[in-house]
């Protein structure tokens, strides 16, 4: 066991003494914030979420007082609206252009990826609500 007191640098040029073990706890919490930052980025979280997680992971002051409430985008409704619109367009001839619109495989894959992202956001949001 180390006989020296644990210190923590607060970023302002000052060091604060903490009880033994607190530095290890700070390191663990910073690691969790770093991992949460990666997950939030993958879920395309709002910028204030990423800013605060990055600052916490790096021991800097939080740039935003809070990032709550987090609102999930209504991607599922938008995807359903686009599908309906595409179905309407492919069902008949466009009167102005006199041409049929077709949806290619790439567009269909992109739509499915959007639906998957929307469902991830919904599950993430439901998890956040359950903890509050």
N, C-alpha and C. Protein backbone atom coordinates (compact mmCIF):
# COMPACT_ATOMS: atom_id res chain seq x y z
N UNK A 1 0.85 -1.19 0.00
CA UNK A 1 0.00 0.00 0.00
C UNK A 1 0.89 1.23 0.00
N UNK A 2 0.48 2.26 -0.70
CA UNK A 2 1.24 3.49 -0.83
C UNK A 2 0.99 4.37 0.39
N UNK A 3 2.08 4.89 1.00
CA UNK A 3 1.94 5.76 2.17
C UNK A 3 1.67 7.21 1.78
N UNK A 4 1.90 7.55 0.51
CA UNK A 4 1.67 8.92 0.06
C UNK A 4 0.18 9.15 -0.16
N UNK A 5 -0.31 10.34 0.17
CA UNK A 5 -1.73 10.61 -0.09
C UNK A 5 -2.00 10.70 -1.59
N UNK A 6 -3.20 10.29 -1.98
CA UNK A 6 -3.61 10.38 -3.38
C UNK A 6 -3.90 11.84 -3.73
N UNK A 7 -3.54 12.24 -4.95
CA UNK A 7 -3.79 13.61 -5.42
C UNK A 7 -4.62 13.56 -6.68
N UNK A 8 -5.30 14.64 -6.92
CA UNK A 8 -6.08 14.78 -8.14
C UNK A 8 -5.88 16.18 -8.68
N UNK A 9 -5.51 16.27 -9.94
CA UNK A 9 -5.32 17.56 -10.59
C UNK A 9 -6.65 18.01 -11.15
N UNK A 10 -7.08 19.21 -10.75
CA UNK A 10 -8.40 19.68 -11.18
C UNK A 10 -8.38 20.53 -12.44
N UNK A 11 -7.23 20.68 -13.08
CA UNK A 11 -7.14 21.43 -14.33
C UNK A 11 -6.92 22.92 -14.15
N UNK A 12 -7.00 23.44 -12.94
CA UNK A 12 -6.84 24.88 -12.70
C UNK A 12 -5.44 25.21 -12.18
N UNK A 13 -4.56 24.24 -12.15
CA UNK A 13 -3.24 24.47 -11.61
C UNK A 13 -3.11 24.04 -10.15
N UNK A 14 -4.18 23.52 -9.60
CA UNK A 14 -4.18 23.09 -8.19
C UNK A 14 -4.32 21.58 -8.10
N UNK A 15 -3.71 21.03 -7.09
CA UNK A 15 -3.89 19.62 -6.78
C UNK A 15 -4.67 19.52 -5.48
N UNK A 16 -5.58 18.58 -5.45
CA UNK A 16 -6.36 18.35 -4.23
C UNK A 16 -6.01 16.99 -3.67
N UNK A 17 -5.89 16.90 -2.35
CA UNK A 17 -5.63 15.62 -1.71
C UNK A 17 -6.94 14.87 -1.52
N UNK A 18 -6.90 13.59 -1.73
CA UNK A 18 -8.08 12.75 -1.57
C UNK A 18 -7.72 11.54 -0.74
N UNK A 19 -8.71 10.96 -0.10
CA UNK A 19 -8.42 9.73 0.66
C UNK A 19 -7.86 8.66 -0.27
N UNK A 20 -7.10 7.76 0.31
CA UNK A 20 -6.49 6.69 -0.47
C UNK A 20 -7.57 5.91 -1.22
N UNK A 21 -7.30 5.62 -2.46
CA UNK A 21 -8.24 4.85 -3.28
C UNK A 21 -9.12 5.71 -4.17
N UNK A 22 -9.24 6.99 -3.85
CA UNK A 22 -10.12 7.84 -4.65
C UNK A 22 -9.58 8.01 -6.07
N UNK A 23 -8.27 8.10 -6.22
CA UNK A 23 -7.69 8.26 -7.56
C UNK A 23 -8.04 7.06 -8.43
N UNK A 24 -8.01 5.87 -7.86
CA UNK A 24 -8.37 4.67 -8.63
C UNK A 24 -9.85 4.72 -9.03
N UNK A 25 -10.68 5.21 -8.13
CA UNK A 25 -12.11 5.33 -8.44
C UNK A 25 -12.32 6.36 -9.55
N UNK A 26 -11.60 7.45 -9.50
CA UNK A 26 -11.70 8.47 -10.55
C UNK A 26 -11.28 7.87 -11.88
N UNK A 27 -10.20 7.09 -11.89
CA UNK A 27 -9.76 6.44 -13.12
C UNK A 27 -10.84 5.51 -13.67
N UNK A 28 -11.48 4.74 -12.79
CA UNK A 28 -12.54 3.83 -13.24
C UNK A 28 -13.71 4.61 -13.84
N UNK A 29 -14.10 5.69 -13.19
CA UNK A 29 -15.22 6.49 -13.69
C UNK A 29 -14.88 7.17 -15.02
N UNK A 30 -13.63 7.61 -15.15
CA UNK A 30 -13.22 8.20 -16.42
C UNK A 30 -13.24 7.16 -17.54
N UNK A 31 -12.86 5.94 -17.20
CA UNK A 31 -12.91 4.86 -18.20
C UNK A 31 -14.35 4.61 -18.63
N UNK A 32 -15.26 4.57 -17.67
CA UNK A 32 -16.68 4.37 -17.99
C UNK A 32 -17.19 5.51 -18.88
N UNK A 33 -16.81 6.74 -18.56
CA UNK A 33 -17.23 7.88 -19.38
C UNK A 33 -16.65 7.78 -20.78
N UNK A 34 -15.41 7.32 -20.88
CA UNK A 34 -14.78 7.13 -22.19
C UNK A 34 -15.53 6.09 -23.01
N UNK A 35 -15.90 4.99 -22.38
CA UNK A 35 -16.66 3.95 -23.07
C UNK A 35 -18.06 4.44 -23.44
N UNK A 36 -18.68 5.19 -22.53
CA UNK A 36 -20.02 5.73 -22.82
C UNK A 36 -19.95 6.73 -23.98
N UNK A 37 -18.84 7.48 -24.06
CA UNK A 37 -18.64 8.40 -25.18
C UNK A 37 -18.62 7.64 -26.50
N UNK A 38 -17.92 6.51 -26.53
CA UNK A 38 -17.86 5.70 -27.75
C UNK A 38 -19.24 5.20 -28.14
N UNK A 39 -19.99 4.72 -27.15
CA UNK A 39 -21.33 4.21 -27.43
C UNK A 39 -22.25 5.35 -27.89
N UNK A 40 -22.18 6.49 -27.21
CA UNK A 40 -23.03 7.63 -27.58
C UNK A 40 -22.70 8.10 -28.99
N UNK A 41 -21.43 8.09 -29.35
CA UNK A 41 -21.05 8.47 -30.70
C UNK A 41 -21.60 7.51 -31.73
N UNK A 42 -21.56 6.21 -31.41
CA UNK A 42 -22.09 5.20 -32.34
C UNK A 42 -23.59 5.35 -32.51
N UNK A 43 -24.27 5.85 -31.48
CA UNK A 43 -25.71 6.06 -31.55
C UNK A 43 -26.08 7.44 -32.06
N UNK A 44 -25.05 8.20 -32.48
CA UNK A 44 -25.25 9.55 -33.00
C UNK A 44 -25.96 10.44 -31.98
N UNK A 45 -25.45 10.40 -30.75
CA UNK A 45 -26.03 11.19 -29.66
C UNK A 45 -25.84 12.68 -29.92
N UNK A 46 -26.68 13.51 -29.31
CA UNK A 46 -26.54 14.97 -29.46
C UNK A 46 -25.17 15.46 -28.97
N UNK A 47 -24.71 16.56 -29.53
CA UNK A 47 -23.39 17.10 -29.21
C UNK A 47 -23.19 17.35 -27.72
N UNK A 48 -24.16 17.91 -26.97
CA UNK A 48 -23.92 18.13 -25.54
C UNK A 48 -23.61 16.83 -24.78
N UNK A 49 -24.20 15.72 -25.20
CA UNK A 49 -23.91 14.43 -24.57
C UNK A 49 -22.45 14.07 -24.79
N UNK A 50 -22.01 14.17 -26.05
CA UNK A 50 -20.63 13.84 -26.38
C UNK A 50 -19.65 14.80 -25.70
N UNK A 51 -19.99 16.08 -25.67
CA UNK A 51 -19.12 17.07 -25.02
C UNK A 51 -18.91 16.75 -23.55
N UNK A 52 -20.00 16.49 -22.83
CA UNK A 52 -19.90 16.22 -21.39
C UNK A 52 -19.17 14.91 -21.11
N UNK A 53 -19.45 13.88 -21.90
CA UNK A 53 -18.76 12.60 -21.68
C UNK A 53 -17.27 12.72 -21.97
N UNK A 54 -16.92 13.45 -23.01
CA UNK A 54 -15.51 13.64 -23.34
C UNK A 54 -14.80 14.41 -22.22
N UNK A 55 -15.42 15.48 -21.74
CA UNK A 55 -14.83 16.26 -20.67
C UNK A 55 -14.66 15.42 -19.41
N UNK A 56 -15.68 14.65 -19.06
CA UNK A 56 -15.60 13.80 -17.86
C UNK A 56 -14.53 12.73 -18.01
N UNK A 57 -14.41 12.16 -19.20
CA UNK A 57 -13.42 11.12 -19.44
C UNK A 57 -12.00 11.67 -19.33
N UNK A 58 -11.84 12.95 -19.60
CA UNK A 58 -10.52 13.57 -19.60
C UNK A 58 -10.26 14.45 -18.40
N UNK A 59 -11.15 14.43 -17.41
CA UNK A 59 -10.95 15.19 -16.18
C UNK A 59 -11.07 16.70 -16.34
N UNK A 60 -11.83 17.13 -17.35
CA UNK A 60 -12.01 18.56 -17.58
C UNK A 60 -13.39 18.98 -17.06
N UNK A 61 -13.57 20.28 -16.83
CA UNK A 61 -14.90 20.76 -16.42
C UNK A 61 -15.94 20.45 -17.50
N UNK A 62 -17.15 20.20 -17.07
CA UNK A 62 -18.22 19.89 -18.02
C UNK A 62 -18.64 21.17 -18.75
N UNK A 63 -18.69 21.12 -20.08
CA UNK A 63 -19.07 22.31 -20.84
C UNK A 63 -20.56 22.63 -20.78
N UNK A 64 -21.37 21.64 -20.44
CA UNK A 64 -22.82 21.84 -20.36
C UNK A 64 -23.28 21.43 -18.96
N UNK A 65 -24.16 22.22 -18.37
CA UNK A 65 -24.67 21.92 -17.04
C UNK A 65 -25.33 20.54 -17.02
N UNK A 66 -26.04 20.23 -18.08
CA UNK A 66 -26.68 18.92 -18.23
C UNK A 66 -26.91 18.67 -19.71
N UNK A 67 -27.06 17.42 -20.08
CA UNK A 67 -27.45 17.13 -21.46
C UNK A 67 -28.85 16.54 -21.49
N UNK A 68 -29.51 16.54 -20.37
CA UNK A 68 -30.88 16.04 -20.30
C UNK A 68 -31.88 17.16 -20.51
N UNK A 69 -33.03 16.92 -21.03
CA UNK A 69 -33.51 15.62 -21.47
C UNK A 69 -32.95 15.26 -22.84
N UNK A 70 -32.74 13.99 -23.04
CA UNK A 70 -32.31 13.48 -24.33
C UNK A 70 -33.56 13.03 -25.07
N UNK A 71 -33.77 13.62 -26.22
CA UNK A 71 -34.93 13.25 -27.01
C UNK A 71 -34.47 12.40 -28.18
N UNK A 72 -35.12 11.28 -28.36
CA UNK A 72 -34.76 10.43 -29.48
C UNK A 72 -35.45 10.95 -30.73
N UNK A 73 -34.73 10.93 -31.83
CA UNK A 73 -35.38 11.37 -33.07
C UNK A 73 -36.49 10.41 -33.45
N UNK A 74 -37.52 10.94 -34.06
CA UNK A 74 -38.65 10.10 -34.46
C UNK A 74 -38.34 9.50 -35.83
N UNK A 75 -37.27 8.71 -35.88
CA UNK A 75 -36.83 8.13 -37.13
C UNK A 75 -37.81 7.08 -37.65
N UNK A 76 -38.43 6.34 -36.75
CA UNK A 76 -39.36 5.31 -37.19
C UNK A 76 -40.52 5.92 -37.97
N UNK A 77 -41.05 7.03 -37.48
CA UNK A 77 -42.15 7.69 -38.18
C UNK A 77 -41.68 8.23 -39.52
N UNK A 78 -40.45 8.78 -39.55
CA UNK A 78 -39.91 9.31 -40.81
C UNK A 78 -39.70 8.20 -41.83
N UNK A 79 -39.20 7.06 -41.39
CA UNK A 79 -39.00 5.92 -42.29
C UNK A 79 -40.34 5.43 -42.84
N UNK A 80 -41.33 5.33 -41.96
CA UNK A 80 -42.66 4.90 -42.41
C UNK A 80 -43.24 5.90 -43.42
N UNK A 81 -43.04 7.19 -43.17
CA UNK A 81 -43.53 8.21 -44.10
C UNK A 81 -42.84 8.07 -45.46
N UNK A 82 -41.51 7.87 -45.44
CA UNK A 82 -40.78 7.72 -46.70
C UNK A 82 -41.18 6.46 -47.45
N UNK A 83 -41.42 5.38 -46.70
CA UNK A 83 -41.86 4.14 -47.36
C UNK A 83 -43.21 4.34 -48.05
N UNK A 84 -44.12 5.02 -47.36
CA UNK A 84 -45.43 5.29 -47.95
C UNK A 84 -45.28 6.14 -49.20
N UNK A 85 -44.44 7.16 -49.10
CA UNK A 85 -44.21 8.03 -50.25
C UNK A 85 -43.60 7.26 -51.41
N UNK A 86 -42.62 6.40 -51.13
CA UNK A 86 -42.00 5.60 -52.18
C UNK A 86 -43.00 4.62 -52.79
N UNK A 87 -43.83 4.03 -51.95
CA UNK A 87 -44.84 3.11 -52.46
C UNK A 87 -45.79 3.83 -53.39
N UNK A 88 -46.21 5.04 -52.97
CA UNK A 88 -47.11 5.84 -53.82
C UNK A 88 -46.45 6.18 -55.15
N UNK A 89 -45.16 6.52 -55.11
CA UNK A 89 -44.45 6.89 -56.34
C UNK A 89 -44.26 5.70 -57.27
N UNK A 90 -43.98 4.53 -56.70
CA UNK A 90 -43.74 3.36 -57.54
C UNK A 90 -45.04 2.71 -58.00
N UNK A 91 -46.16 3.06 -57.39
CA UNK A 91 -47.44 2.44 -57.76
C UNK A 91 -47.97 2.96 -59.08
N UNK A 92 -47.61 4.16 -59.45
CA UNK A 92 -48.16 4.70 -60.69
C UNK A 92 -47.18 5.64 -61.36
N UNK A 93 -47.61 6.13 -62.48
CA UNK A 93 -46.74 7.00 -63.26
C UNK A 93 -46.81 8.42 -62.73
N UNK A 94 -45.66 9.08 -62.66
CA UNK A 94 -45.62 10.47 -62.25
C UNK A 94 -46.17 11.32 -63.39
N UNK A 95 -47.19 12.10 -63.12
CA UNK A 95 -47.87 12.85 -64.18
C UNK A 95 -46.97 13.93 -64.80
N UNK A 96 -46.10 14.56 -64.00
CA UNK A 96 -45.28 15.64 -64.52
C UNK A 96 -44.13 15.12 -65.39
N UNK A 97 -43.50 14.05 -64.97
CA UNK A 97 -42.33 13.56 -65.69
C UNK A 97 -42.65 12.43 -66.65
N UNK A 98 -43.78 11.80 -66.46
CA UNK A 98 -44.15 10.68 -67.31
C UNK A 98 -43.19 9.51 -67.16
N UNK A 99 -42.67 9.28 -65.94
CA UNK A 99 -41.71 8.20 -65.72
C UNK A 99 -42.06 7.46 -64.44
N UNK A 100 -41.59 6.24 -64.35
CA UNK A 100 -41.78 5.46 -63.13
C UNK A 100 -40.57 5.65 -62.22
N UNK A 101 -40.84 5.71 -60.93
CA UNK A 101 -39.75 5.79 -59.96
C UNK A 101 -39.51 4.40 -59.41
N UNK A 102 -38.27 4.01 -59.36
CA UNK A 102 -37.91 2.72 -58.79
C UNK A 102 -36.96 2.93 -57.63
N UNK A 103 -37.06 2.09 -56.64
CA UNK A 103 -36.17 2.16 -55.49
C UNK A 103 -35.12 1.07 -55.67
N UNK A 104 -33.87 1.45 -55.67
CA UNK A 104 -32.81 0.47 -55.87
C UNK A 104 -32.47 -0.22 -54.55
N UNK A 105 -31.68 -1.27 -54.65
CA UNK A 105 -31.30 -2.05 -53.47
C UNK A 105 -30.53 -1.22 -52.45
N UNK A 106 -29.67 -0.32 -52.93
CA UNK A 106 -28.89 0.52 -52.01
C UNK A 106 -29.81 1.38 -51.15
N UNK A 107 -30.83 1.97 -51.77
CA UNK A 107 -31.77 2.80 -51.03
C UNK A 107 -32.53 1.97 -50.00
N UNK A 108 -32.93 0.78 -50.38
CA UNK A 108 -33.64 -0.09 -49.43
C UNK A 108 -32.73 -0.45 -48.25
N UNK A 109 -31.44 -0.73 -48.51
CA UNK A 109 -30.50 -1.04 -47.41
C UNK A 109 -30.33 0.17 -46.50
N UNK A 110 -30.24 1.35 -47.09
CA UNK A 110 -30.10 2.57 -46.29
C UNK A 110 -31.33 2.79 -45.41
N UNK A 111 -32.50 2.51 -45.96
CA UNK A 111 -33.73 2.65 -45.18
C UNK A 111 -33.74 1.66 -44.01
N UNK A 112 -33.28 0.45 -44.25
CA UNK A 112 -33.23 -0.55 -43.17
C UNK A 112 -32.22 -0.15 -42.11
N UNK A 113 -31.09 0.43 -42.53
CA UNK A 113 -30.10 0.91 -41.57
C UNK A 113 -30.67 2.04 -40.71
N UNK A 114 -31.45 2.93 -41.32
CA UNK A 114 -32.10 3.99 -40.55
C UNK A 114 -33.08 3.40 -39.54
N UNK A 115 -33.83 2.40 -39.97
CA UNK A 115 -34.77 1.76 -39.04
C UNK A 115 -34.02 1.11 -37.88
N UNK A 116 -32.91 0.44 -38.17
CA UNK A 116 -32.10 -0.18 -37.11
C UNK A 116 -31.59 0.87 -36.15
N UNK A 117 -31.07 2.00 -36.67
CA UNK A 117 -30.59 3.08 -35.81
C UNK A 117 -31.72 3.64 -34.96
N UNK A 118 -32.89 3.81 -35.55
CA UNK A 118 -34.03 4.34 -34.81
C UNK A 118 -34.42 3.40 -33.68
N UNK A 119 -34.39 2.11 -33.94
CA UNK A 119 -34.73 1.14 -32.90
C UNK A 119 -33.68 1.15 -31.79
N UNK A 120 -32.39 1.33 -32.12
CA UNK A 120 -31.34 1.45 -31.10
C UNK A 120 -31.62 2.66 -30.21
N UNK A 121 -31.97 3.80 -30.84
CA UNK A 121 -32.27 5.01 -30.07
C UNK A 121 -33.46 4.78 -29.14
N UNK A 122 -34.48 4.11 -29.67
CA UNK A 122 -35.67 3.85 -28.84
C UNK A 122 -35.29 3.03 -27.62
N UNK A 123 -34.52 1.95 -27.83
CA UNK A 123 -34.12 1.10 -26.71
C UNK A 123 -33.22 1.87 -25.73
N UNK A 124 -32.31 2.69 -26.24
CA UNK A 124 -31.44 3.50 -25.40
C UNK A 124 -32.26 4.47 -24.58
N UNK A 125 -33.23 5.13 -25.23
CA UNK A 125 -34.09 6.10 -24.53
C UNK A 125 -34.92 5.42 -23.45
N UNK A 126 -35.46 4.26 -23.74
CA UNK A 126 -36.25 3.53 -22.75
C UNK A 126 -35.39 3.15 -21.54
N UNK A 127 -34.13 2.80 -21.80
CA UNK A 127 -33.21 2.47 -20.71
C UNK A 127 -32.92 3.67 -19.84
N UNK A 128 -32.78 4.87 -20.46
CA UNK A 128 -32.52 6.10 -19.71
C UNK A 128 -33.71 6.45 -18.86
N UNK A 129 -34.92 6.28 -19.39
CA UNK A 129 -36.12 6.62 -18.64
C UNK A 129 -36.29 5.69 -17.43
N UNK A 130 -35.89 4.45 -17.59
CA UNK A 130 -36.04 3.48 -16.50
C UNK A 130 -35.11 3.75 -15.34
N UNK A 131 -34.01 4.49 -15.57
CA UNK A 131 -33.04 4.77 -14.51
C UNK A 131 -33.38 6.03 -13.75
N UNK A 132 -34.24 6.89 -14.31
CA UNK A 132 -34.52 8.18 -13.69
C UNK A 132 -35.55 8.08 -12.68
